[in-house]
N, C-alpha and C. Protein backbone atom coordinates (compact mmCIF):
# COMPACT_ATOMS: atom_id res chain seq x y z
N UNK A 1 102.90 221.90 -86.24
CA UNK A 1 103.71 221.03 -87.36
C UNK A 1 104.49 221.84 -88.36
N UNK A 2 103.68 223.00 -89.03
CA UNK A 2 104.47 223.41 -90.24
C UNK A 2 105.63 224.39 -89.45
N UNK A 3 105.16 224.73 -88.32
CA UNK A 3 106.11 225.79 -87.76
C UNK A 3 107.47 225.08 -87.55
N UNK A 4 107.65 223.60 -87.10
CA UNK A 4 108.73 222.71 -87.31
C UNK A 4 109.41 222.66 -88.48
N UNK A 5 108.70 222.22 -89.41
CA UNK A 5 109.17 222.13 -90.83
C UNK A 5 109.90 223.62 -91.30
N UNK A 6 108.99 224.54 -91.08
CA UNK A 6 109.85 225.95 -91.38
C UNK A 6 111.50 225.86 -90.40
N UNK A 7 111.57 225.64 -89.46
CA UNK A 7 112.47 225.83 -88.25
C UNK A 7 113.73 224.72 -88.81
N UNK A 8 113.27 223.67 -89.48
CA UNK A 8 114.00 222.48 -89.81
C UNK A 8 114.69 223.25 -91.11
N UNK A 9 113.69 223.69 -92.28
CA UNK A 9 114.33 224.13 -93.27
C UNK A 9 115.30 225.40 -93.45
N UNK A 10 115.04 226.04 -92.33
CA UNK A 10 115.59 227.15 -91.95
C UNK A 10 117.11 227.16 -91.47
N UNK A 11 117.27 225.88 -90.63
CA UNK A 11 118.32 225.25 -89.87
C UNK A 11 119.46 224.89 -91.11
N UNK A 12 118.48 224.28 -92.07
CA UNK A 12 119.10 223.34 -93.21
C UNK A 12 119.81 224.42 -93.96
N UNK A 13 119.27 225.63 -94.36
CA UNK A 13 120.01 226.62 -95.14
C UNK A 13 120.68 227.73 -94.73
N UNK A 14 120.80 227.46 -93.35
CA UNK A 14 122.10 228.05 -92.56
C UNK A 14 123.33 227.10 -92.31
N UNK A 15 123.27 226.15 -92.23
CA UNK A 15 123.88 225.23 -92.31
C UNK A 15 125.18 225.20 -93.84
N UNK A 16 123.90 225.12 -94.86
CA UNK A 16 124.41 225.12 -96.02
C UNK A 16 125.39 226.51 -96.42
N UNK A 17 124.58 227.64 -96.11
CA UNK A 17 125.20 228.93 -96.10
C UNK A 17 126.57 228.76 -95.43
N UNK A 18 126.67 228.08 -94.01
CA UNK A 18 127.87 228.35 -93.50
C UNK A 18 129.13 227.34 -94.16
N UNK A 19 128.60 226.25 -94.72
CA UNK A 19 129.54 225.29 -95.39
C UNK A 19 129.99 226.09 -96.36
N UNK A 20 129.19 226.75 -97.28
CA UNK A 20 129.48 227.53 -98.36
C UNK A 20 130.60 228.71 -98.21
N UNK A 21 130.48 229.27 -97.18
CA UNK A 21 131.33 230.11 -96.62
C UNK A 21 132.73 229.91 -96.24
N UNK A 22 132.75 228.58 -95.49
CA UNK A 22 133.82 227.83 -95.13
C UNK A 22 134.54 227.48 -96.41
N UNK A 23 133.99 227.03 -97.38
CA UNK A 23 134.78 226.87 -98.59
C UNK A 23 135.37 227.63 -98.85
N UNK A 24 134.65 229.02 -99.34
CA UNK A 24 135.59 230.05 -99.74
C UNK A 24 136.39 230.63 -98.81
N UNK A 25 136.36 230.47 -97.73
CA UNK A 25 137.43 230.84 -96.93
C UNK A 25 138.84 229.88 -97.01
N UNK A 26 138.75 228.75 -97.21
CA UNK A 26 139.29 228.02 -97.19
C UNK A 26 140.45 228.00 -98.85
N UNK A 27 139.42 228.05 -99.76
CA UNK A 27 140.21 228.62 -101.08
C UNK A 27 141.11 229.72 -100.95
N UNK A 28 140.30 230.88 -100.43
CA UNK A 28 141.12 231.98 -99.83
C UNK A 28 142.41 232.04 -99.53
N UNK A 29 142.20 231.11 -98.19
CA UNK A 29 143.51 231.05 -97.62
C UNK A 29 144.48 229.96 -98.21
N UNK A 30 144.12 229.21 -99.25
CA UNK A 30 144.82 228.24 -99.86
C UNK A 30 145.82 228.99 -100.92
N UNK A 31 144.73 230.02 -101.45
CA UNK A 31 145.33 230.69 -102.73
C UNK A 31 146.67 231.54 -101.93
N UNK A 32 146.53 232.04 -100.86
CA UNK A 32 147.62 232.87 -100.02
C UNK A 32 148.56 231.92 -99.59
N UNK A 33 148.46 230.93 -99.06
CA UNK A 33 149.50 229.86 -98.62
C UNK A 33 150.20 229.45 -99.77
N UNK A 34 149.60 229.31 -101.07
CA UNK A 34 150.60 229.12 -102.36
C UNK A 34 151.40 230.18 -102.53
N UNK A 35 150.79 231.50 -102.55
CA UNK A 35 151.58 232.43 -102.94
C UNK A 35 152.78 232.73 -102.23
N UNK A 36 152.55 232.49 -100.68
CA UNK A 36 153.65 232.46 -99.70
C UNK A 36 154.67 231.67 -100.02
N UNK A 37 154.26 230.46 -100.27
CA UNK A 37 154.96 229.08 -100.59
C UNK A 37 155.92 229.23 -101.72
N UNK A 38 155.30 229.96 -102.67
CA UNK A 38 156.12 230.08 -103.97
C UNK A 38 156.83 231.31 -103.96
N UNK A 39 156.88 232.14 -103.27
CA UNK A 39 157.47 233.42 -102.92
C UNK A 39 159.10 232.91 -103.23
N UNK A 40 159.60 233.58 -103.83
CA UNK A 40 161.50 233.48 -104.01
C UNK A 40 161.93 234.08 -102.75
N UNK A 41 162.68 233.45 -101.83
CA UNK A 41 163.35 234.03 -100.90
C UNK A 41 164.86 233.89 -101.42
N UNK A 42 165.24 235.14 -101.23
CA UNK A 42 166.70 235.13 -101.63
C UNK A 42 167.73 235.51 -100.64
N UNK A 43 169.18 235.45 -100.35
CA UNK A 43 169.66 235.75 -99.33
C UNK A 43 171.07 235.90 -100.01
N UNK A 44 171.39 237.44 -100.00
CA UNK A 44 172.44 238.04 -100.53
C UNK A 44 172.93 239.25 -99.68
N UNK A 45 174.09 239.07 -99.22
CA UNK A 45 174.74 240.18 -98.57
C UNK A 45 176.21 240.49 -98.82
N UNK A 46 176.23 241.81 -99.33
CA UNK A 46 177.60 241.62 -99.77
C UNK A 46 178.14 243.11 -99.48
N UNK A 47 179.57 243.70 -99.81
CA UNK A 47 179.99 244.81 -99.71
C UNK A 47 179.70 245.43 -101.08
N UNK A 48 179.06 246.73 -100.65
CA UNK A 48 178.71 247.36 -101.90
C UNK A 48 179.40 248.54 -102.16
N UNK A 49 180.43 249.24 -101.11
CA UNK A 49 181.31 250.08 -101.48
C UNK A 49 182.36 250.27 -100.40
N UNK A 50 183.36 251.08 -100.79
CA UNK A 50 184.15 251.57 -99.50
C UNK A 50 184.98 252.72 -100.01
N UNK A 51 184.76 253.57 -99.31
CA UNK A 51 185.14 255.11 -99.47
C UNK A 51 185.99 255.31 -98.31
N UNK A 52 187.27 256.12 -98.88
CA UNK A 52 188.34 256.79 -97.88
C UNK A 52 187.53 258.01 -97.08
N UNK A 53 187.34 258.28 -95.96
CA UNK A 53 186.53 259.34 -95.41
C UNK A 53 188.00 260.35 -94.76
N UNK A 54 188.88 259.61 -94.21
CA UNK A 54 189.99 260.64 -94.07
C UNK A 54 191.61 259.91 -93.90
N UNK A 55 192.28 261.14 -94.17
CA UNK A 55 193.33 260.81 -94.41
C UNK A 55 194.26 262.02 -93.87
N UNK A 56 195.17 261.25 -92.70
CA UNK A 56 195.89 262.29 -91.76
C UNK A 56 197.52 262.13 -92.39
N UNK A 57 198.42 262.84 -92.67
CA UNK A 57 199.66 262.58 -92.86
C UNK A 57 200.42 263.09 -91.66
N UNK A 58 201.39 262.39 -91.28
CA UNK A 58 202.48 262.60 -90.41
C UNK A 58 203.27 263.31 -90.71
N UNK A 59 203.62 263.37 -92.05
CA UNK A 59 205.03 263.90 -92.76
C UNK A 59 204.39 264.66 -93.95
N UNK A 60 205.52 264.98 -94.88
CA UNK A 60 205.31 265.74 -96.15
C UNK A 60 204.30 264.58 -97.25
N UNK A 61 204.65 263.43 -96.85
CA UNK A 61 204.31 262.30 -98.01
C UNK A 61 202.97 261.73 -97.36
N UNK A 62 201.63 261.65 -98.10
CA UNK A 62 200.30 261.07 -97.91
C UNK A 62 200.33 259.68 -97.75
N UNK A 63 200.00 259.08 -96.72
CA UNK A 63 199.59 257.74 -96.76
C UNK A 63 198.72 257.44 -98.00
N UNK A 64 198.72 256.16 -98.16
CA UNK A 64 198.17 255.66 -99.48
C UNK A 64 197.20 254.16 -98.91
N UNK A 65 196.14 254.13 -99.77
CA UNK A 65 195.44 253.08 -99.34
C UNK A 65 194.98 252.47 -100.55
N UNK A 66 195.02 250.82 -101.07
CA UNK A 66 194.57 250.75 -102.25
C UNK A 66 193.47 249.39 -101.44
N UNK A 67 191.89 249.68 -102.28
CA UNK A 67 190.93 248.86 -101.60
C UNK A 67 190.41 248.20 -103.11
N UNK A 68 189.81 247.15 -102.97
CA UNK A 68 189.25 246.40 -104.08
C UNK A 68 187.84 245.64 -103.22
N UNK A 69 186.86 245.55 -104.05
CA UNK A 69 185.80 244.77 -103.73
C UNK A 69 185.66 243.70 -104.33
N UNK A 70 186.31 242.43 -103.99
CA UNK A 70 186.41 241.06 -104.74
C UNK A 70 185.34 239.80 -104.56
N UNK A 71 185.26 238.85 -105.13
CA UNK A 71 184.49 237.79 -104.97
C UNK A 71 182.66 237.91 -105.03
N UNK A 72 182.58 238.81 -106.03
CA UNK A 72 181.24 239.14 -106.08
C UNK A 72 180.77 240.08 -104.76
N UNK A 73 181.42 240.86 -104.31
CA UNK A 73 181.21 241.52 -102.96
C UNK A 73 181.54 240.84 -101.90
N UNK A 74 181.94 239.31 -101.97
CA UNK A 74 182.08 239.10 -100.44
C UNK A 74 183.07 239.16 -99.85
N UNK A 75 184.18 240.22 -100.10
CA UNK A 75 185.64 240.15 -99.64
C UNK A 75 185.96 241.90 -100.08
N UNK A 76 186.71 242.19 -98.96
CA UNK A 76 187.42 243.60 -99.22
C UNK A 76 189.11 243.08 -99.20
N UNK A 77 189.99 243.39 -100.44
CA UNK A 77 191.09 243.25 -100.33
C UNK A 77 191.74 244.88 -100.24
N UNK A 78 192.62 244.99 -99.15
CA UNK A 78 193.49 246.20 -98.88
C UNK A 78 194.74 246.31 -98.60
N UNK A 79 195.42 247.16 -99.19
CA UNK A 79 196.85 247.71 -98.73
C UNK A 79 196.98 248.98 -98.54
N UNK A 80 197.40 249.10 -97.53
CA UNK A 80 197.82 250.41 -96.72
C UNK A 80 199.07 250.54 -96.68
N UNK A 81 199.86 251.90 -97.07
CA UNK A 81 201.16 252.00 -97.19
C UNK A 81 201.13 253.48 -96.25
N UNK A 82 201.63 253.35 -95.28
CA UNK A 82 202.00 254.47 -94.13
C UNK A 82 203.25 254.97 -94.17
N UNK A 83 203.48 255.93 -94.36
CA UNK A 83 205.26 256.61 -94.42
C UNK A 83 205.76 257.05 -93.34
N UNK A 84 205.18 257.64 -92.09
CA UNK A 84 205.62 258.29 -91.08
C UNK A 84 204.44 257.82 -89.85
N UNK A 85 205.25 258.31 -88.81
CA UNK A 85 204.46 258.13 -87.44
C UNK A 85 203.39 259.52 -87.75
N UNK A 86 202.14 258.93 -87.14
CA UNK A 86 200.88 259.86 -87.11
C UNK A 86 200.21 259.66 -88.48
N UNK A 87 200.51 258.78 -89.40
CA UNK A 87 199.75 258.63 -90.62
C UNK A 87 198.64 258.01 -90.18
N UNK A 88 197.75 258.32 -90.72
CA UNK A 88 196.16 257.92 -90.41
C UNK A 88 195.45 257.71 -91.80
N UNK A 89 195.09 256.46 -91.88
CA UNK A 89 193.90 256.61 -92.80
C UNK A 89 192.44 255.70 -92.40
N UNK A 90 191.40 256.25 -93.09
CA UNK A 90 189.90 255.71 -92.00
C UNK A 90 189.06 255.44 -93.50
N UNK A 91 188.47 254.42 -93.74
CA UNK A 91 187.71 253.75 -94.48
C UNK A 91 186.22 253.62 -94.26
N UNK A 92 185.46 253.71 -94.92
CA UNK A 92 184.22 253.32 -94.23
C UNK A 92 183.37 252.14 -95.36
N UNK A 93 183.32 251.21 -94.96
CA UNK A 93 182.94 250.26 -96.09
C UNK A 93 181.24 249.74 -95.68
N UNK A 94 180.47 249.82 -96.84
CA UNK A 94 178.96 249.75 -96.52
C UNK A 94 179.05 248.36 -97.20
N UNK A 95 177.80 247.60 -96.10
CA UNK A 95 177.56 246.28 -96.56
C UNK A 95 175.81 246.47 -96.76
N UNK A 96 175.32 246.02 -97.96
CA UNK A 96 174.10 246.07 -98.55
C UNK A 96 173.35 244.57 -98.35
N UNK A 97 172.29 244.62 -98.07
CA UNK A 97 171.20 243.14 -98.04
C UNK A 97 170.53 243.22 -99.25
N UNK A 98 171.06 242.93 -100.28
CA UNK A 98 170.41 242.80 -101.63
C UNK A 98 169.11 241.52 -101.82
N UNK A 99 169.19 240.65 -100.56
CA UNK A 99 168.11 239.69 -100.46
C UNK A 99 166.92 239.94 -99.94
N UNK A 100 165.87 239.00 -99.52
CA UNK A 100 164.76 239.56 -99.60
C UNK A 100 164.32 239.09 -98.03
N UNK A 101 165.31 238.47 -97.29
CA UNK A 101 164.91 237.94 -95.83
C UNK A 101 166.16 238.81 -95.04
N UNK A 102 165.78 239.18 -93.87
CA UNK A 102 166.76 239.67 -93.08
C UNK A 102 168.01 239.13 -92.64
N UNK A 103 169.06 239.78 -92.77
CA UNK A 103 170.49 239.16 -92.33
C UNK A 103 170.80 239.76 -91.19
N UNK A 104 171.60 238.44 -90.61
CA UNK A 104 172.44 238.75 -89.26
C UNK A 104 173.84 238.83 -89.68
N UNK A 105 174.62 239.75 -88.91
CA UNK A 105 175.98 239.67 -89.01
C UNK A 105 176.62 238.67 -88.01
N UNK A 106 177.25 237.80 -88.53
CA UNK A 106 178.06 236.68 -87.43
C UNK A 106 179.42 237.30 -86.85
N UNK A 107 179.98 237.81 -87.88
CA UNK A 107 181.25 238.52 -87.48
C UNK A 107 182.13 238.94 -89.06
N UNK A 108 183.23 238.94 -89.07
CA UNK A 108 184.15 239.40 -90.14
C UNK A 108 185.23 238.64 -90.00
N UNK A 109 185.74 237.65 -91.08
CA UNK A 109 186.76 237.21 -91.56
C UNK A 109 188.18 238.11 -91.89
N UNK A 110 189.26 237.87 -90.70
CA UNK A 110 190.25 239.25 -91.10
C UNK A 110 191.52 238.17 -91.10
N UNK A 111 192.00 238.75 -92.29
CA UNK A 111 193.10 238.25 -92.71
C UNK A 111 194.36 239.18 -93.26
N UNK A 112 195.35 239.11 -92.32
CA UNK A 112 195.77 238.48 -90.79
C UNK A 112 194.89 239.44 -90.22
N UNK A 113 194.41 238.45 -89.13
CA UNK A 113 193.82 239.32 -87.70
C UNK A 113 194.55 240.06 -86.94
N UNK A 114 194.83 241.11 -87.38
CA UNK A 114 195.72 242.06 -86.38
C UNK A 114 195.02 242.44 -84.95
N UNK A 115 194.28 241.91 -84.58
CA UNK A 115 194.08 242.19 -82.88
C UNK A 115 194.73 241.32 -82.45
N UNK A 116 195.53 239.77 -83.19
CA UNK A 116 196.25 238.94 -82.33
C UNK A 116 197.60 239.39 -82.07
N UNK A 117 198.14 239.11 -80.97
CA UNK A 117 199.66 239.41 -80.67
C UNK A 117 200.63 239.08 -81.81
N UNK A 118 200.11 238.11 -82.07
CA UNK A 118 201.50 237.41 -83.56
C UNK A 118 201.32 238.01 -84.43
N UNK A 119 200.05 238.40 -85.05
CA UNK A 119 200.14 239.51 -86.10
C UNK A 119 200.27 240.91 -86.29
N UNK A 120 200.07 241.47 -84.54
CA UNK A 120 200.40 242.90 -84.31
C UNK A 120 201.91 243.17 -84.53
N UNK A 121 202.30 242.19 -84.27
CA UNK A 121 203.94 242.40 -84.13
C UNK A 121 204.52 242.46 -85.28
N UNK A 122 203.81 241.57 -86.42
CA UNK A 122 204.39 241.98 -87.41
C UNK A 122 204.67 243.41 -88.30
N UNK A 123 203.36 244.07 -87.85
CA UNK A 123 203.15 245.47 -88.45
C UNK A 123 203.33 246.56 -87.60
N UNK A 124 204.06 246.38 -86.07
CA UNK A 124 204.22 247.34 -85.10
C UNK A 124 205.05 248.34 -85.61
N UNK A 125 204.58 249.52 -85.30
CA UNK A 125 203.95 250.17 -84.29
C UNK A 125 202.17 250.58 -85.07
N UNK A 126 202.25 249.93 -86.38
CA UNK A 126 200.94 250.46 -86.84
C UNK A 126 199.72 249.65 -86.14
N UNK A 127 198.53 250.14 -86.38
CA UNK A 127 197.52 249.43 -85.93
C UNK A 127 196.30 249.23 -86.79
N UNK A 128 195.43 248.44 -86.68
CA UNK A 128 194.28 248.38 -87.57
C UNK A 128 193.46 247.96 -86.66
N UNK A 129 192.31 248.74 -87.02
CA UNK A 129 190.89 248.54 -85.99
C UNK A 129 189.69 248.53 -86.78
N UNK A 130 188.77 247.86 -86.61
CA UNK A 130 187.44 248.13 -87.51
C UNK A 130 186.12 248.03 -86.14
N UNK A 131 185.32 248.71 -86.55
CA UNK A 131 183.95 249.01 -85.53
C UNK A 131 183.50 247.84 -85.51
N UNK A 132 182.50 247.19 -84.32
CA UNK A 132 182.39 246.27 -83.99
C UNK A 132 180.63 246.09 -84.88
N UNK A 133 180.50 245.20 -85.66
CA UNK A 133 179.19 244.90 -86.31
C UNK A 133 178.76 243.57 -85.84
N UNK A 134 179.07 242.68 -85.09
CA UNK A 134 179.30 241.66 -84.56
C UNK A 134 177.86 241.49 -84.14
N UNK A 135 176.57 240.83 -84.57
CA UNK A 135 175.15 240.88 -83.92
C UNK A 135 174.28 241.83 -84.61
N UNK A 136 175.00 242.68 -85.70
CA UNK A 136 173.85 243.83 -86.21
C UNK A 136 173.01 242.92 -87.24
N UNK A 137 171.60 243.51 -87.26
CA UNK A 137 170.57 242.99 -88.17
C UNK A 137 170.43 243.56 -89.54
N UNK A 138 170.36 243.13 -90.82
CA UNK A 138 170.28 244.38 -91.64
C UNK A 138 168.96 244.03 -92.17
N UNK A 139 168.08 244.42 -92.44
CA UNK A 139 166.84 244.31 -92.88
C UNK A 139 166.87 244.19 -94.55
N UNK A 140 166.12 243.58 -95.43
CA UNK A 140 166.22 243.64 -96.88
C UNK A 140 166.31 244.82 -97.16
N UNK A 141 167.13 244.74 -98.15
CA UNK A 141 167.30 246.44 -98.73
C UNK A 141 167.97 247.29 -98.05
N UNK A 142 168.55 247.18 -97.01
CA UNK A 142 168.91 248.19 -96.33
C UNK A 142 170.60 247.91 -96.04
N UNK A 143 171.41 249.24 -95.64
CA UNK A 143 172.57 248.91 -95.65
C UNK A 143 173.05 249.34 -94.39
N UNK A 144 174.43 248.73 -93.73
CA UNK A 144 174.98 248.95 -92.88
C UNK A 144 176.70 249.61 -93.23
N UNK A 145 177.29 250.42 -92.18
CA UNK A 145 178.49 250.72 -92.35
C UNK A 145 179.46 250.58 -91.36
N UNK A 146 180.44 250.69 -91.75
CA UNK A 146 181.57 249.87 -90.67
C UNK A 146 182.80 250.75 -91.00
N UNK A 147 183.64 251.04 -90.24
CA UNK A 147 184.79 252.09 -90.31
C UNK A 147 185.92 250.98 -90.20
N UNK A 148 187.26 251.22 -90.97
CA UNK A 148 188.32 250.34 -90.99
C UNK A 148 189.60 251.72 -90.81
N UNK A 149 190.17 251.68 -89.49
CA UNK A 149 190.93 252.39 -89.48
C UNK A 149 192.52 252.14 -89.28
N UNK A 150 193.53 252.55 -89.85
CA UNK A 150 195.25 252.32 -89.95
C UNK A 150 195.61 253.51 -89.18
N UNK A 151 196.42 253.26 -88.19
CA UNK A 151 197.23 254.51 -87.95
C UNK A 151 198.88 253.88 -87.37
N UNK A 152 199.41 254.71 -87.71
CA UNK A 152 201.21 254.72 -87.32
C UNK A 152 201.20 255.72 -86.18
N UNK A 153 201.16 254.64 -84.80
CA UNK A 153 201.69 255.45 -83.74
C UNK A 153 202.91 255.47 -83.55
N UNK A 154 203.47 256.31 -82.79
CA UNK A 154 204.63 256.98 -82.40
C UNK A 154 205.14 255.56 -81.41
N UNK A 155 206.47 255.20 -81.43
CA UNK A 155 206.76 253.98 -81.01
C UNK A 155 208.44 254.43 -80.10
N UNK A 156 209.01 255.71 -80.12
CA UNK A 156 210.31 255.90 -80.08
C UNK A 156 211.27 255.32 -81.01
N UNK A 157 211.18 254.75 -82.33
CA UNK A 157 211.89 254.28 -83.03
C UNK A 157 211.94 255.25 -84.20
N UNK A 158 212.96 254.98 -85.07
CA UNK A 158 212.96 255.65 -86.32
C UNK A 158 211.58 255.39 -87.44
N UNK A 159 211.17 256.36 -88.10
CA UNK A 159 209.69 256.43 -88.89
C UNK A 159 210.11 255.55 -90.20
N UNK A 160 209.83 254.45 -90.47
CA UNK A 160 209.88 253.69 -91.60
C UNK A 160 208.95 253.53 -92.50
N UNK A 161 208.90 253.73 -93.64
CA UNK A 161 207.23 253.35 -94.39
C UNK A 161 206.96 251.78 -94.18
N UNK A 162 205.83 251.64 -93.90
CA UNK A 162 205.21 250.30 -93.74
C UNK A 162 203.95 249.69 -94.54
N UNK A 163 204.06 248.67 -95.19
CA UNK A 163 203.18 248.56 -96.14
C UNK A 163 202.36 247.05 -95.31
N UNK A 164 200.88 247.63 -95.22
CA UNK A 164 200.12 246.66 -93.93
C UNK A 164 199.15 245.97 -95.38
N UNK A 165 199.27 244.82 -95.62
CA UNK A 165 197.93 243.92 -96.43
C UNK A 165 196.82 243.55 -95.58
N UNK A 166 195.80 243.36 -96.03
CA UNK A 166 194.38 243.23 -95.19
C UNK A 166 193.40 242.98 -95.85
N UNK A 167 192.87 241.87 -95.37
CA UNK A 167 191.70 241.31 -96.30
C UNK A 167 190.48 240.99 -95.13
N UNK A 168 189.31 241.23 -95.56
CA UNK A 168 188.19 241.21 -94.62
C UNK A 168 186.89 240.37 -95.56
N UNK A 169 186.38 239.03 -94.76
CA UNK A 169 185.32 238.65 -95.34
C UNK A 169 184.10 238.80 -94.45
N UNK A 170 182.93 238.26 -95.10
CA UNK A 170 181.70 238.58 -94.35
C UNK A 170 181.08 237.20 -93.90
N UNK A 171 180.55 237.08 -92.70
CA UNK A 171 179.97 235.68 -92.29
C UNK A 171 178.65 236.21 -92.06
N UNK A 172 177.56 235.96 -92.25
CA UNK A 172 176.34 236.28 -92.17
C UNK A 172 175.55 234.93 -92.43
N UNK A 173 174.32 235.09 -92.03
CA UNK A 173 173.06 234.32 -91.74
C UNK A 173 171.92 234.71 -91.90
N UNK A 174 171.02 234.19 -91.90
CA UNK A 174 169.74 234.48 -91.90
C UNK A 174 169.02 234.58 -91.09
N UNK A 175 168.21 235.79 -90.72
CA UNK A 175 167.82 235.93 -89.40
C UNK A 175 166.00 235.87 -89.67
N UNK A 176 165.49 235.09 -88.76
CA UNK A 176 164.11 234.63 -88.99
C UNK A 176 163.43 235.31 -87.70
């Protein structure tokens, strides 16, 4: 009979200890979940810089480009002046994710979109190309670079100075 009482008391002590451990575990889990919930998530993807990486002149006059980062880094405003056939300007823009969550590049808003025929005709024989960054993921604190190239192609016509206005905006979303 004493053996049964000893086993029963031991079982009660083990169950009490289990309940106490479960309570402590839930407290720790609750504190961690509260920290995670209170964590400030931010989303900010911007153009952080743009640099001219190369310039090729087709005559004695250098091609010129003006670039400005505007709207708090959300857009690039550019204007290129190409003076002769074979003039070429290349810029590299850097996109920075200064938020705390990964970002997905959905696309670029180009204005005017020189890949469309109706806008291409306005600047012919000049071409504007950008590298494809659609679908790229930028982790928090990381950078992504892409190229913008403007080229004055030979067309058989007389070489005339061309001014090409161009604006690029970012389309991004959070990536989870």
